[in-house]
């Protein structure tokens, strides 16, 4: 797995792993290997999303009409 994979490439590879595993046709050793790779890709994607989320700010106005920035926060 390349260290600097783009998010989209990582997600595409992760989706392919899921499709293969869901088929139920993989030998156990292959399934375990793919599971491990999928977990690494999942972690990588989560880290990339978190990094992107921390860079996003929301521009708002206060009651006096002044522009303010605040961190982007998703209610989970």
PDB file of N, CA and C in Angstrom:
ATOM      1  N   UNK A   1       0.850  -1.174   0.000  1.00  0.00           N
ATOM      2  CA  UNK A   1       0.000   0.000   0.000  1.00  0.00           C
ATOM      3  C   UNK A   1       0.895   1.235   0.000  1.00  0.00           C
ATOM      4  N   UNK A   2       0.648   2.133  -0.937  1.00  0.00           N
ATOM      5  CA  UNK A   2       1.444   3.347  -1.006  1.00  0.00           C
ATOM      6  C   UNK A   2       1.127   4.246   0.177  1.00  0.00           C
ATOM      7  N   UNK A   3       2.154   4.908   0.656  1.00  0.00           N
ATOM      8  CA  UNK A   3       2.025   5.778   1.823  1.00  0.00           C
ATOM      9  C   UNK A   3       1.172   7.011   1.528  1.00  0.00           C
ATOM     10  N   UNK A   4       1.285   7.546   0.336  1.00  0.00           N
ATOM     11  CA  UNK A   4       0.612   8.799   0.007  1.00  0.00           C
ATOM     12  C   UNK A   4      -0.579   8.593  -0.923  1.00  0.00           C
ATOM     13  N   UNK A   5      -1.310   7.518  -0.725  1.00  0.00           N
ATOM     14  CA  UNK A   5      -2.493   7.258  -1.538  1.00  0.00           C
ATOM     15  C   UNK A   5      -3.507   8.370  -1.343  1.00  0.00           C
ATOM     16  N   UNK A   6      -4.169   8.748  -2.415  1.00  0.00           N
ATOM     17  CA  UNK A   6      -5.237   9.730  -2.306  1.00  0.00           C
ATOM     18  C   UNK A   6      -6.435   9.076  -1.627  1.00  0.00           C
ATOM     19  N   UNK A   7      -7.257   9.909  -1.000  1.00  0.00           N
ATOM     20  CA  UNK A   7      -8.434   9.415  -0.298  1.00  0.00           C
ATOM     21  C   UNK A   7      -9.315   8.588  -1.228  1.00  0.00           C
ATOM     22  N   UNK A   8      -9.562   9.115  -2.417  1.00  0.00           N
ATOM     23  CA  UNK A   8     -10.450   8.437  -3.360  1.00  0.00           C
ATOM     24  C   UNK A   8      -9.898   7.075  -3.775  1.00  0.00           C
ATOM     25  N   UNK A   9      -8.585   6.994  -3.973  1.00  0.00           N
ATOM     26  CA  UNK A   9      -7.961   5.711  -4.324  1.00  0.00           C
ATOM     27  C   UNK A   9      -8.102   4.716  -3.178  1.00  0.00           C
ATOM     28  N   UNK A  10      -7.894   5.198  -1.965  1.00  0.00           N
ATOM     29  CA  UNK A  10      -8.017   4.340  -0.787  1.00  0.00           C
ATOM     30  C   UNK A  10      -9.435   3.813  -0.647  1.00  0.00           C
ATOM     31  N   UNK A  11     -10.426   4.700  -0.835  1.00  0.00           N
ATOM     32  CA  UNK A  11     -11.824   4.279  -0.728  1.00  0.00           C
ATOM     33  C   UNK A  11     -12.187   3.278  -1.815  1.00  0.00           C
ATOM     34  N   UNK A  12     -11.699   3.514  -3.021  1.00  0.00           N
ATOM     35  CA  UNK A  12     -11.992   2.601  -4.123  1.00  0.00           C
ATOM     36  C   UNK A  12     -11.415   1.216  -3.829  1.00  0.00           C
ATOM     37  N   UNK A  13     -10.188   1.174  -3.343  1.00  0.00           N
ATOM     38  CA  UNK A  13      -9.570  -0.112  -3.023  1.00  0.00           C
ATOM     39  C   UNK A  13     -10.299  -0.783  -1.863  1.00  0.00           C
ATOM     40  N   UNK A  14     -10.706  -0.010  -0.883  1.00  0.00           N
ATOM     41  CA  UNK A  14     -11.451  -0.555   0.254  1.00  0.00           C
ATOM     42  C   UNK A  14     -12.788  -1.136  -0.207  1.00  0.00           C
ATOM     43  N   UNK A  15     -13.480  -0.439  -1.093  1.00  0.00           N
ATOM     44  CA  UNK A  15     -14.750  -0.945  -1.625  1.00  0.00           C
ATOM     45  C   UNK A  15     -14.551  -2.249  -2.391  1.00  0.00           C
ATOM     46  N   UNK A  16     -13.465  -2.353  -3.135  1.00  0.00           N
ATOM     47  CA  UNK A  16     -13.165  -3.584  -3.877  1.00  0.00           C
ATOM     48  C   UNK A  16     -12.905  -4.743  -2.909  1.00  0.00           C
ATOM     49  N   UNK A  17     -12.189  -4.475  -1.843  1.00  0.00           N
ATOM     50  CA  UNK A  17     -11.926  -5.505  -0.831  1.00  0.00           C
ATOM     51  C   UNK A  17     -13.239  -5.980  -0.224  1.00  0.00           C
ATOM     52  N   UNK A  18     -14.117  -5.046   0.101  1.00  0.00           N
ATOM     53  CA  UNK A  18     -15.414  -5.406   0.686  1.00  0.00           C
ATOM     54  C   UNK A  18     -16.212  -6.271  -0.284  1.00  0.00           C
ATOM     55  N   UNK A  19     -16.237  -5.888  -1.565  1.00  0.00           N
ATOM     56  CA  UNK A  19     -16.967  -6.694  -2.566  1.00  0.00           C
ATOM     57  C   UNK A  19     -16.431  -8.122  -2.620  1.00  0.00           C
ATOM     58  N   UNK A  20     -15.115  -8.257  -2.654  1.00  0.00           N
ATOM     59  CA  UNK A  20     -14.518  -9.593  -2.729  1.00  0.00           C
ATOM     60  C   UNK A  20     -14.830 -10.407  -1.484  1.00  0.00           C
ATOM     61  N   UNK A  21     -14.760  -9.768  -0.323  1.00  0.00           N
ATOM     62  CA  UNK A  21     -15.024 -10.500   0.919  1.00  0.00           C
ATOM     63  C   UNK A  21     -16.494 -10.889   1.035  1.00  0.00           C
ATOM     64  N   UNK A  22     -17.379 -10.010   0.579  1.00  0.00           N
ATOM     65  CA  UNK A  22     -18.808 -10.314   0.645  1.00  0.00           C
ATOM     66  C   UNK A  22     -19.214 -11.421  -0.318  1.00  0.00           C
ATOM     67  N   UNK A  23     -18.398 -11.671  -1.327  1.00  0.00           N
ATOM     68  CA  UNK A  23     -18.730 -12.727  -2.290  1.00  0.00           C
ATOM     69  C   UNK A  23     -18.711 -14.102  -1.629  1.00  0.00           C
ATOM     70  N   UNK A  24     -17.931 -14.240  -0.572  1.00  0.00           N
ATOM     71  CA  UNK A  24     -17.849 -15.516   0.129  1.00  0.00           C
ATOM     72  C   UNK A  24     -17.033 -16.568  -0.593  1.00  0.00           C
ATOM     73  N   UNK A  25     -16.305 -16.191  -1.626  1.00  0.00           N
ATOM     74  CA  UNK A  25     -15.553 -17.167  -2.422  1.00  0.00           C
ATOM     75  C   UNK A  25     -14.053 -17.153  -2.145  1.00  0.00           C
ATOM     76  N   UNK A  26     -13.613 -16.370  -1.187  1.00  0.00           N
ATOM     77  CA  UNK A  26     -12.180 -16.279  -0.900  1.00  0.00           C
ATOM     78  C   UNK A  26     -11.741 -17.375   0.061  1.00  0.00           C
ATOM     79  N   UNK A  27     -10.576 -17.960  -0.182  1.00  0.00           N
ATOM     80  CA  UNK A  27     -10.010 -18.873   0.807  1.00  0.00           C
ATOM     81  C   UNK A  27      -9.741 -18.100   2.106  1.00  0.00           C
ATOM     82  N   UNK A  28      -9.732 -18.791   3.219  1.00  0.00           N
ATOM     83  CA  UNK A  28      -9.586 -18.154   4.524  1.00  0.00           C
ATOM     84  C   UNK A  28      -8.340 -17.276   4.607  1.00  0.00           C
ATOM     85  N   UNK A  29      -7.196 -17.785   4.158  1.00  0.00           N
ATOM     86  CA  UNK A  29      -5.957 -17.002   4.238  1.00  0.00           C
ATOM     87  C   UNK A  29      -6.062 -15.708   3.431  1.00  0.00           C
ATOM     88  N   UNK A  30      -6.659 -15.783   2.258  1.00  0.00           N
ATOM     89  CA  UNK A  30      -6.836 -14.584   1.434  1.00  0.00           C
ATOM     90  C   UNK A  30      -7.796 -13.600   2.108  1.00  0.00           C
ATOM     91  N   UNK A  31      -8.858 -14.129   2.689  1.00  0.00           N
ATOM     92  CA  UNK A  31      -9.836 -13.279   3.371  1.00  0.00           C
ATOM     93  C   UNK A  31      -9.191 -12.558   4.552  1.00  0.00           C
ATOM     94  N   UNK A  32      -8.367 -13.269   5.316  1.00  0.00           N
ATOM     95  CA  UNK A  32      -7.684 -12.638   6.451  1.00  0.00           C
ATOM     96  C   UNK A  32      -6.722 -11.556   5.983  1.00  0.00           C
ATOM     97  N   UNK A  33      -5.998 -11.838   4.925  1.00  0.00           N
ATOM     98  CA  UNK A  33      -5.062 -10.861   4.371  1.00  0.00           C
ATOM     99  C   UNK A  33      -5.804  -9.615   3.888  1.00  0.00           C
ATOM    100  N   UNK A  34      -6.915  -9.834   3.200  1.00  0.00           N
ATOM    101  CA  UNK A  34      -7.709  -8.705   2.713  1.00  0.00           C
ATOM    102  C   UNK A  34      -8.332  -7.930   3.868  1.00  0.00           C
ATOM    103  N   UNK A  35      -8.751  -8.642   4.905  1.00  0.00           N
ATOM    104  CA  UNK A  35      -9.312  -7.973   6.077  1.00  0.00           C
ATOM    105  C   UNK A  35      -8.278  -7.032   6.691  1.00  0.00           C
ATOM    106  N   UNK A  36      -7.049  -7.519   6.855  1.00  0.00           N
ATOM    107  CA  UNK A  36      -5.982  -6.693   7.427  1.00  0.00           C
ATOM    108  C   UNK A  36      -5.717  -5.461   6.557  1.00  0.00           C
ATOM    109  N   UNK A  37      -5.652  -5.659   5.259  1.00  0.00           N
ATOM    110  CA  UNK A  37      -5.417  -4.541   4.343  1.00  0.00           C
ATOM    111  C   UNK A  37      -6.585  -3.559   4.401  1.00  0.00           C
ATOM    112  N   UNK A  38      -7.795  -4.091   4.468  1.00  0.00           N
ATOM    113  CA  UNK A  38      -8.978  -3.243   4.564  1.00  0.00           C
ATOM    114  C   UNK A  38      -8.994  -2.407   5.833  1.00  0.00           C
ATOM    115  N   UNK A  39      -8.564  -2.989   6.940  1.00  0.00           N
ATOM    116  CA  UNK A  39      -8.503  -2.243   8.198  1.00  0.00           C
ATOM    117  C   UNK A  39      -7.487  -1.109   8.101  1.00  0.00           C
ATOM    118  N   UNK A  40      -6.350  -1.363   7.466  1.00  0.00           N
ATOM    119  CA  UNK A  40      -5.339  -0.312   7.288  1.00  0.00           C
ATOM    120  C   UNK A  40      -5.883   0.809   6.407  1.00  0.00           C
ATOM    121  N   UNK A  41      -6.559   0.429   5.334  1.00  0.00           N
ATOM    122  CA  UNK A  41      -7.150   1.434   4.443  1.00  0.00           C
ATOM    123  C   UNK A  41      -8.234   2.240   5.160  1.00  0.00           C
ATOM    124  N   UNK A  42      -9.039   1.567   5.954  1.00  0.00           N
ATOM    125  CA  UNK A  42     -10.089   2.240   6.711  1.00  0.00           C
ATOM    126  C   UNK A  42      -9.488   3.265   7.671  1.00  0.00           C
ATOM    127  N   UNK A  43      -8.425   2.874   8.346  1.00  0.00           N
ATOM    128  CA  UNK A  43      -7.746   3.780   9.278  1.00  0.00           C
ATOM    129  C   UNK A  43      -7.164   4.976   8.520  1.00  0.00           C
ATOM    130  N   UNK A  44      -6.548   4.708   7.375  1.00  0.00           N
ATOM    131  CA  UNK A  44      -5.969   5.770   6.549  1.00  0.00           C
ATOM    132  C   UNK A  44      -7.051   6.758   6.104  1.00  0.00           C
ATOM    133  N   UNK A  45      -8.181   6.238   5.651  1.00  0.00           N
ATOM    134  CA  UNK A  45      -9.281   7.103   5.210  1.00  0.00           C
ATOM    135  C   UNK A  45      -9.817   7.940   6.373  1.00  0.00           C
ATOM    136  N   UNK A  46      -9.951   7.336   7.530  1.00  0.00           N
ATOM    137  CA  UNK A  46     -10.428   8.069   8.708  1.00  0.00           C
ATOM    138  C   UNK A  46      -9.483   9.207   9.066  1.00  0.00           C
ATOM    139  N   UNK A  47      -8.185   8.934   9.007  1.00  0.00           N
ATOM    140  CA  UNK A  47      -7.195   9.968   9.316  1.00  0.00           C
ATOM    141  C   UNK A  47      -7.264  11.109   8.306  1.00  0.00           C
ATOM    142  N   UNK A  48      -7.427  10.767   7.030  1.00  0.00           N
ATOM    143  CA  UNK A  48      -7.507  11.799   5.993  1.00  0.00           C
ATOM    144  C   UNK A  48      -8.771  12.642   6.164  1.00  0.00           C
ATOM    145  N   UNK A  49      -9.890  12.013   6.507  1.00  0.00           N
ATOM    146  CA  UNK A  49     -11.126  12.756   6.732  1.00  0.00           C
ATOM    147  C   UNK A  49     -10.998  13.679   7.938  1.00  0.00           C
ATOM    148  N   UNK A  50     -10.401  13.189   8.993  1.00  0.00           N
ATOM    149  CA  UNK A  50     -10.216  14.002  10.195  1.00  0.00           C
ATOM    150  C   UNK A  50      -9.310  15.194   9.903  1.00  0.00           C
ATOM    151  N   UNK A  51      -8.260  14.977   9.126  1.00  0.00           N
ATOM    152  CA  UNK A  51      -7.358  16.075   8.756  1.00  0.00           C
ATOM    153  C   UNK A  51      -8.100  17.116   7.927  1.00  0.00           C
ATOM    154  N   UNK A  52      -8.928  16.666   7.002  1.00  0.00           N
ATOM    155  CA  UNK A  52      -9.706  17.595   6.178  1.00  0.00           C
ATOM    156  C   UNK A  52     -10.708  18.358   7.039  1.00  0.00           C
ATOM    157  N   UNK A  53     -11.362  17.656   7.938  1.00  0.00           N
ATOM    158  CA  UNK A  53     -12.355  18.281   8.816  1.00  0.00           C
ATOM    159  C   UNK A  53     -11.708  19.374   9.672  1.00  0.00           C
ATOM    160  N   UNK A  54     -10.496  19.137  10.132  1.00  0.00           N
ATOM    161  CA  UNK A  54      -9.834  20.123  10.987  1.00  0.00           C
ATOM    162  C   UNK A  54      -9.415  21.370  10.217  1.00  0.00           C
ATOM    163  N   UNK A  55      -9.348  21.286   8.894  1.00  0.00           N
ATOM    164  CA  UNK A  55      -8.959  22.436   8.074  1.00  0.00           C
ATOM    165  C   UNK A  55     -10.145  23.307   7.668  1.00  0.00           C
ATOM    166  N   UNK A  56     -11.339  22.781   7.797  1.00  0.00           N
ATOM    167  CA  UNK A  56     -12.528  23.497   7.341  1.00  0.00           C
ATOM    168  C   UNK A  56     -13.026  24.424   8.447  1.00  0.00           C
ATOM    169  N   UNK A  57     -13.299  25.658   8.083  1.00  0.00           N
ATOM    170  CA  UNK A  57     -13.883  26.610   9.016  1.00  0.00           C
ATOM    171  C   UNK A  57     -15.172  27.157   8.421  1.00  0.00           C
ATOM    172  N   UNK A  58     -16.069  27.540   9.299  1.00  0.00           N
ATOM    173  CA  UNK A  58     -17.346  28.097   8.875  1.00  0.00           C
ATOM    174  C   UNK A  58     -17.293  29.610   9.085  1.00  0.00           C
ATOM    175  N   UNK A  59     -17.734  30.340   8.091  1.00  0.00           N
ATOM    176  CA  UNK A  59     -17.793  31.793   8.175  1.00  0.00           C
ATOM    177  C   UNK A  59     -19.203  32.176   8.598  1.00  0.00           C
ATOM    178  N   UNK A  60     -19.319  32.907   9.711  1.00  0.00           N
ATOM    179  CA  UNK A  60     -20.623  33.330  10.222  1.00  0.00           C
ATOM    180  C   UNK A  60     -20.583  34.817  10.563  1.00  0.00           C
ATOM    181  N   UNK A  61     -21.757  35.384  10.780  1.00  0.00           N
ATOM    182  CA  UNK A  61     -21.863  36.772  11.237  1.00  0.00           C
ATOM    183  C   UNK A  61     -22.407  36.774  12.658  1.00  0.00           C
ATOM    184  N   UNK A  62     -21.855  37.666  13.488  1.00  0.00           N
ATOM    185  CA  UNK A  62     -22.410  37.809  14.829  1.00  0.00           C
ATOM    186  C   UNK A  62     -23.567  38.809  14.784  1.00  0.00           C
ATOM    187  N   UNK A  63     -24.148  39.138  15.938  1.00  0.00           N
ATOM    188  CA  UNK A  63     -25.325  40.019  15.963  1.00  0.00           C
ATOM    189  C   UNK A  63     -25.022  41.439  15.491  1.00  0.00           C
ATOM    190  N   UNK A  64     -23.741  41.836  15.526  1.00  0.00           N
ATOM    191  CA  UNK A  64     -23.339  43.165  15.047  1.00  0.00           C
ATOM    192  C   UNK A  64     -22.972  43.157  13.566  1.00  0.00           C
ATOM    193  N   UNK A  65     -23.094  42.023  12.917  1.00  0.00           N
ATOM    194  CA  UNK A  65     -22.791  41.912  11.503  1.00  0.00           C
ATOM    195  C   UNK A  65     -21.329  41.654  11.188  1.00  0.00           C
ATOM    196  N   UNK A  66     -20.514  41.459  12.227  1.00  0.00           N
ATOM    197  CA  UNK A  66     -19.093  41.169  12.004  1.00  0.00           C
ATOM    198  C   UNK A  66     -18.926  39.717  11.572  1.00  0.00           C
ATOM    199  N   UNK A  67     -18.006  39.503  10.640  1.00  0.00           N
ATOM    200  CA  UNK A  67     -17.729  38.144  10.183  1.00  0.00           C
ATOM    201  C   UNK A  67     -16.809  37.441  11.173  1.00  0.00           C
ATOM    202  N   UNK A  68     -17.154  36.225  11.484  1.00  0.00           N
ATOM    203  CA  UNK A  68     -16.367  35.398  12.397  1.00  0.00           C
ATOM    204  C   UNK A  68     -16.118  34.046  11.749  1.00  0.00           C
ATOM    205  N   UNK A  69     -15.025  33.431  12.099  1.00  0.00           N
ATOM    206  CA  UNK A  69     -14.792  32.052  11.662  1.00  0.00           C
ATOM    207  C   UNK A  69     -14.835  31.155  12.882  1.00  0.00           C
ATOM    208  N   UNK A  70     -15.321  29.968  12.671  1.00  0.00           N
ATOM    209  CA  UNK A  70     -15.347  28.972  13.742  1.00  0.00           C
ATOM    210  C   UNK A  70     -15.081  27.616  13.129  1.00  0.00           C
ATOM    211  N   UNK A  71     -14.573  26.689  13.928  1.00  0.00           N
ATOM    212  CA  UNK A  71     -14.281  25.353  13.396  1.00  0.00           C
ATOM    213  C   UNK A  71     -15.549  24.669  12.902  1.00  0.00           C
ATOM    214  N   UNK A  72     -15.391  23.896  11.855  1.00  0.00           N
ATOM    215  CA  UNK A  72     -16.477  23.079  11.320  1.00  0.00           C
ATOM    216  C   UNK A  72     -16.687  21.908  12.263  1.00  0.00           C
ATOM    217  N   UNK A  73     -17.915  21.677  12.645  1.00  0.00           N
ATOM    218  CA  UNK A  73     -18.198  20.588  13.583  1.00  0.00           C
ATOM    219  C   UNK A  73     -19.425  19.832  13.089  1.00  0.00           C
ATOM    220  N   UNK A  74     -19.304  18.525  12.995  1.00  0.00           N
ATOM    221  CA  UNK A  74     -20.412  17.678  12.581  1.00  0.00           C
ATOM    222  C   UNK A  74     -20.996  17.030  13.822  1.00  0.00           C
ATOM    223  N   UNK A  75     -22.302  17.167  14.008  1.00  0.00           N
ATOM    224  CA  UNK A  75     -22.949  16.498  15.138  1.00  0.00           C
ATOM    225  C   UNK A  75     -22.996  15.015  14.868  1.00  0.00           C
ATOM    226  N   UNK A  76     -22.377  14.257  15.760  1.00  0.00           N
ATOM    227  CA  UNK A  76     -22.316  12.799  15.555  1.00  0.00           C
ATOM    228  C   UNK A  76     -23.248  12.096  16.484  1.00  0.00           C
TER     229      UNK A  76
END
